[in-house]
Amino acid sequence: MTQTQFTLAVGGIDTDVGKSYVTGLLARYLGQLGHTVTTLKLVQTGCSGMSDDIQLHRQLMGQPLSDFDRDGTTCPYLFPFPASPLLAARMTGSSIEAAVLDQSLHTLRQRHQWLLVEGAGGLLVPLADDLLLLDYYASRHLPLLLVSTPRLGSINHTRLSLEAIKARNIPLLGLVYNLYGDHPREIVQDTLVECRKALADYGCAQRLIILADIRESSAAAWQVVVDAARDMTNGKN
């Protein structure tokens, strides 16, 4: 591939914080810039047949399902029981192998300039007995875009996530503050202040992207993330 290839991870401070929407909307934005882009859902639980999250990504991107979607390359592990990836795999008598995830990474990188990798649940969920999601990201040198929310408990979860990211020397592309949902105005404003403070306390760049509308790719300043990924790839950050 002659063009520079960018692969980044999208992680959340917890489950159900909007990772799939963020992944799909950022992918849509990159497509609008003229880049070849796709998404990879490493593992999905509570689903069978076809990954719900991959289908959501394609819907947000305005694209049909690809051959890679249909053959499972973009979601190599799919389990029906809604639990941690480790438990969901055990309940089917199987296990998650890093080599299988790596093969999807390799295949999709060969065909796309940008690859967005979404995990399952929070950052420290177990994929296997000896592998946490965040450790997989770290070992594959993937910069991370972290998704947070103003729901109660998010300040604590955001700080714990940033601490885990820093401990593994994972480059942080930015923090997406997902406003979707009904949250008290006082908590929304206070959590925003605390998120900015947390970024500063952990020595992270103040790249805080406010996502006000999960239906529109133009509703957030995605270019900040794009520029950060380019700078990190080029060794500028």
Protein backbone atom coordinates (compact mmCIF):
# COMPACT_ATOMS: atom_id res chain seq x y z
CA MET A 1 0.00 0.00 0.00
CA THR A 2 1.58 3.28 -1.08
CA GLN A 3 -0.45 5.57 1.17
CA THR A 4 0.23 5.91 4.89
CA GLN A 5 -1.95 3.51 6.85
CA PHE A 6 -3.62 4.62 10.09
CA THR A 7 -5.09 2.21 12.62
CA LEU A 8 -6.65 3.47 15.82
CA ALA A 9 -8.69 1.98 18.64
CA VAL A 10 -11.96 3.29 20.04
CA GLY A 11 -12.47 2.41 23.69
CA GLY A 12 -14.95 3.36 26.38
CA ILE A 13 -14.81 4.09 30.08
CA ASP A 14 -17.56 1.47 30.48
CA THR A 15 -20.05 -0.50 28.45
CA ASP A 16 -22.87 1.30 26.64
CA VAL A 17 -21.20 4.72 26.43
CA GLY A 18 -21.53 5.16 22.65
CA LYS A 19 -18.35 3.52 21.29
CA SER A 20 -20.16 2.12 18.26
CA TYR A 21 -21.68 5.49 17.38
CA VAL A 22 -18.34 7.22 17.76
CA THR A 23 -16.65 4.58 15.61
CA GLY A 24 -19.27 4.83 12.88
CA LEU A 25 -19.42 8.62 12.86
CA LEU A 26 -15.65 9.04 12.75
CA ALA A 27 -15.49 6.49 9.92
CA ARG A 28 -18.17 8.41 8.07
CA TYR A 29 -16.21 11.65 8.48
CA LEU A 30 -13.05 10.01 7.13
CA GLY A 31 -15.01 8.69 4.15
CA GLN A 32 -16.33 12.18 3.46
CA LEU A 33 -12.71 13.34 3.29
CA GLY A 34 -12.13 10.83 0.52
CA HIS A 35 -10.23 8.20 2.49
CA THR A 36 -10.72 4.45 2.22
CA VAL A 37 -11.92 3.46 5.68
CA THR A 38 -13.50 0.55 7.46
CA THR A 39 -14.16 -0.62 11.00
CA LEU A 40 -13.29 -3.72 12.98
CA LYS A 41 -15.28 -4.98 15.96
CA LEU A 42 -12.87 -7.33 17.70
CA VAL A 43 -15.56 -9.22 19.56
CA GLN A 44 -19.27 -8.74 20.19
CA THR A 45 -21.37 -10.49 22.78
CA GLY A 46 -25.15 -10.69 23.11
CA CYS A 47 -25.52 -11.08 19.37
CA SER A 48 -25.69 -13.82 16.75
CA GLY A 49 -25.66 -14.08 12.97
CA MET A 50 -24.23 -10.66 12.10
CA SER A 51 -22.63 -8.09 14.36
CA ASP A 52 -25.14 -5.42 15.36
CA ASP A 53 -22.31 -2.94 15.87
CA ILE A 54 -20.84 -3.51 12.40
CA GLN A 55 -24.29 -3.01 10.92
CA LEU A 56 -24.61 0.25 12.89
CA HIS A 57 -21.19 1.38 11.64
CA ARG A 58 -22.22 0.82 8.03
CA GLN A 59 -25.56 2.56 8.55
CA LEU A 60 -23.82 5.62 9.99
CA MET A 61 -21.23 5.53 7.20
CA GLY A 62 -23.97 5.33 4.58
CA GLN A 63 -22.47 2.15 3.16
CA PRO A 64 -23.79 -1.36 2.48
CA LEU A 65 -22.29 -4.38 4.15
CA SER A 66 -19.00 -5.44 2.56
CA ASP A 67 -17.67 -8.89 1.74
CA PHE A 68 -15.42 -8.52 4.79
CA ASP A 69 -18.53 -7.93 6.91
CA ARG A 70 -20.30 -10.97 5.52
CA ASP A 71 -17.37 -13.34 5.95
CA GLY A 72 -16.70 -12.24 9.54
CA THR A 73 -13.39 -10.48 8.96
CA THR A 74 -14.72 -7.25 10.50
CA CYS A 75 -16.05 -9.13 13.55
CA PRO A 76 -14.07 -12.34 14.03
CA TYR A 77 -15.74 -13.28 17.31
CA LEU A 78 -19.51 -13.17 17.88
CA PHE A 79 -21.15 -14.75 20.93
CA PRO A 80 -24.85 -14.92 21.88
CA PHE A 81 -24.58 -14.51 25.65
CA PRO A 82 -24.31 -10.85 26.83
CA ALA A 83 -21.28 -11.05 29.10
CA SER A 84 -17.57 -10.34 29.10
CA PRO A 85 -15.82 -11.67 25.99
CA LEU A 86 -14.03 -14.28 28.11
CA LEU A 87 -17.21 -15.64 29.70
CA ALA A 88 -19.26 -15.41 26.51
CA ALA A 89 -16.61 -17.42 24.67
CA ARG A 90 -16.40 -20.02 27.45
CA MET A 91 -20.14 -20.55 27.31
CA THR A 92 -19.82 -21.68 23.71
CA GLY A 93 -16.84 -23.90 24.47
CA SER A 94 -14.45 -21.65 22.57
CA SER A 95 -11.76 -19.09 23.28
CA ILE A 96 -10.54 -15.82 21.79
CA GLU A 97 -7.16 -16.07 20.09
CA ALA A 98 -5.02 -12.98 19.58
CA ALA A 99 -3.73 -14.45 16.31
CA VAL A 100 -7.26 -14.44 14.89
CA LEU A 101 -7.70 -10.77 15.83
CA ASP A 102 -4.32 -10.04 14.27
CA GLN A 103 -5.36 -11.66 11.02
CA SER A 104 -8.39 -9.37 10.76
CA LEU A 105 -6.16 -6.37 11.48
CA HIS A 106 -3.71 -7.42 8.78
CA THR A 107 -6.36 -8.17 6.15
CA LEU A 108 -8.25 -4.91 6.63
CA ARG A 109 -5.10 -2.80 6.78
CA GLN A 110 -4.09 -4.07 3.37
CA ARG A 111 -7.24 -2.67 1.77
CA HIS A 112 -7.94 0.54 3.69
CA GLN A 113 -6.07 3.71 4.52
CA TRP A 114 -7.89 4.04 7.84
CA LEU A 115 -8.98 1.23 10.17
CA LEU A 116 -11.00 1.95 13.32
CA VAL A 117 -10.90 -0.85 15.88
CA GLU A 118 -13.72 -1.09 18.43
CA GLY A 119 -13.50 -3.41 21.43
CA ALA A 120 -16.22 -4.63 23.77
CA GLY A 121 -17.19 -3.10 27.10
CA GLY A 122 -14.68 -1.13 29.12
CA LEU A 123 -10.92 -1.05 28.65
CA LEU A 124 -9.95 -3.79 31.09
CA VAL A 125 -12.43 -6.48 30.07
CA PRO A 126 -10.78 -9.90 29.66
CA LEU A 127 -10.51 -11.35 26.17
CA ALA A 128 -8.74 -14.47 27.40
CA ASP A 129 -7.31 -15.77 30.67
CA ASP A 130 -4.06 -13.93 30.03
CA LEU A 131 -5.20 -11.01 27.86
CA LEU A 132 -7.11 -7.82 28.65
CA LEU A 133 -8.53 -5.64 25.89
CA LEU A 134 -6.30 -2.67 26.73
CA ASP A 135 -3.22 -4.89 26.78
CA TYR A 136 -4.08 -6.07 23.28
CA TYR A 137 -4.26 -2.45 22.12
CA ALA A 138 -0.94 -1.69 23.82
CA SER A 139 0.88 -4.69 22.37
CA ARG A 140 -0.29 -3.77 18.86
CA HIS A 141 0.74 -0.12 19.36
CA LEU A 142 -2.72 1.27 18.66
CA PRO A 143 -3.40 4.89 19.68
CA LEU A 144 -6.70 5.20 21.49
CA LEU A 145 -9.76 7.43 21.29
CA LEU A 146 -11.59 7.24 24.63
CA VAL A 147 -15.36 7.71 24.97
CA SER A 148 -16.89 9.10 28.15
CA THR A 149 -20.33 10.37 29.19
CA PRO A 150 -21.89 12.65 31.80
CA ARG A 151 -23.76 9.82 33.50
CA LEU A 152 -23.21 9.33 37.22
CA GLY A 153 -19.92 7.58 37.90
CA SER A 154 -18.21 8.79 34.74
CA ILE A 155 -15.69 10.99 36.52
CA ASN A 156 -14.32 8.00 38.41
CA HIS A 157 -14.42 5.73 35.34
CA THR A 158 -12.71 8.35 33.19
CA ARG A 159 -9.87 8.80 35.64
CA LEU A 160 -9.41 5.06 36.08
CA SER A 161 -9.32 4.65 32.30
CA LEU A 162 -6.78 7.43 31.85
CA GLU A 163 -4.62 5.91 34.58
CA ALA A 164 -4.69 2.51 32.89
CA ILE A 165 -3.90 4.09 29.51
CA LYS A 166 -0.97 6.05 30.93
CA ALA A 167 0.41 2.99 32.74
CA ARG A 168 0.64 1.20 29.38
CA ASN A 169 2.12 4.17 27.50
CA ILE A 170 -0.74 4.15 25.02
CA PRO A 171 -1.01 7.38 22.99
CA LEU A 172 -4.35 9.08 23.63
CA LEU A 173 -5.87 10.65 20.54
CA GLY A 174 -8.57 12.41 22.49
CA LEU A 175 -11.55 12.10 24.80
CA VAL A 176 -15.06 12.09 23.31
CA TYR A 177 -17.68 13.48 25.69
CA ASN A 178 -20.92 11.86 24.55
CA LEU A 179 -23.89 13.94 25.65
CA TYR A 180 -26.56 11.52 24.41
CA GLY A 181 -29.23 10.82 27.03
CA ASP A 182 -31.11 12.71 29.72
CA HIS A 183 -28.59 14.06 32.22
CA PRO A 184 -28.97 16.85 34.81
CA ARG A 185 -27.39 20.05 33.50
CA GLU A 186 -25.34 20.45 36.68
CA ILE A 187 -23.76 17.02 36.24
CA VAL A 188 -23.11 17.60 32.54
CA GLN A 189 -21.24 20.82 33.26
CA ASP A 190 -19.37 19.50 36.28
CA THR A 191 -18.30 16.28 34.55
CA LEU A 192 -17.03 18.29 31.58
CA VAL A 193 -14.86 20.38 33.90
CA GLU A 194 -13.60 17.25 35.62
CA CYS A 195 -12.82 15.53 32.32
CA ARG A 196 -10.66 18.49 31.27
CA LYS A 197 -8.94 18.42 34.66
CA ALA A 198 -8.35 14.67 34.38
CA LEU A 199 -6.69 15.09 30.98
CA ALA A 200 -4.39 17.71 32.47
CA ASP A 201 -3.64 15.67 35.59
CA TYR A 202 -2.56 12.68 33.50
CA GLY A 203 -0.49 14.78 31.13
CA CYS A 204 -2.78 14.28 28.14
CA ALA A 205 -3.35 16.81 25.39
CA GLN A 206 -6.57 18.76 25.77
CA ARG A 207 -8.28 17.12 22.81
CA LEU A 208 -11.82 16.91 24.15
CA ILE A 209 -14.46 16.30 21.48
CA ILE A 210 -18.02 17.08 22.52
CA LEU A 211 -20.53 14.85 20.76
CA ALA A 212 -23.89 16.58 21.02
CA ASP A 213 -25.77 14.57 18.37
CA ILE A 214 -25.01 10.88 17.79
CA ARG A 215 -26.82 11.00 14.43
CA GLU A 216 -24.55 13.49 12.70
CA SER A 217 -20.88 13.05 11.81
CA SER A 218 -20.50 16.83 11.50
CA ALA A 219 -21.67 17.40 15.08
CA ALA A 220 -18.21 16.82 16.52
CA ALA A 221 -14.73 18.16 15.77
CA TRP A 222 -13.41 14.90 14.32
CA GLN A 223 -10.58 16.68 12.51
CA VAL A 224 -8.83 17.03 15.87
CA VAL A 225 -8.64 13.24 16.06
CA VAL A 226 -7.54 12.90 12.44
CA ASP A 227 -4.74 15.43 12.91
CA ALA A 228 -3.60 13.77 16.14
CA ALA A 229 -3.44 10.34 14.45
CA ARG A 230 -1.39 11.77 11.60
CA ASP A 231 0.98 13.55 13.97
CA MET A 232 1.49 10.40 16.04
CA THR A 233 2.14 8.31 12.94
CA ASN A 234 4.65 10.89 11.69
CA GLY A 235 6.36 11.04 15.07
CA LYS A 236 5.33 14.59 15.86
CA ASN A 237 3.48 13.75 19.07
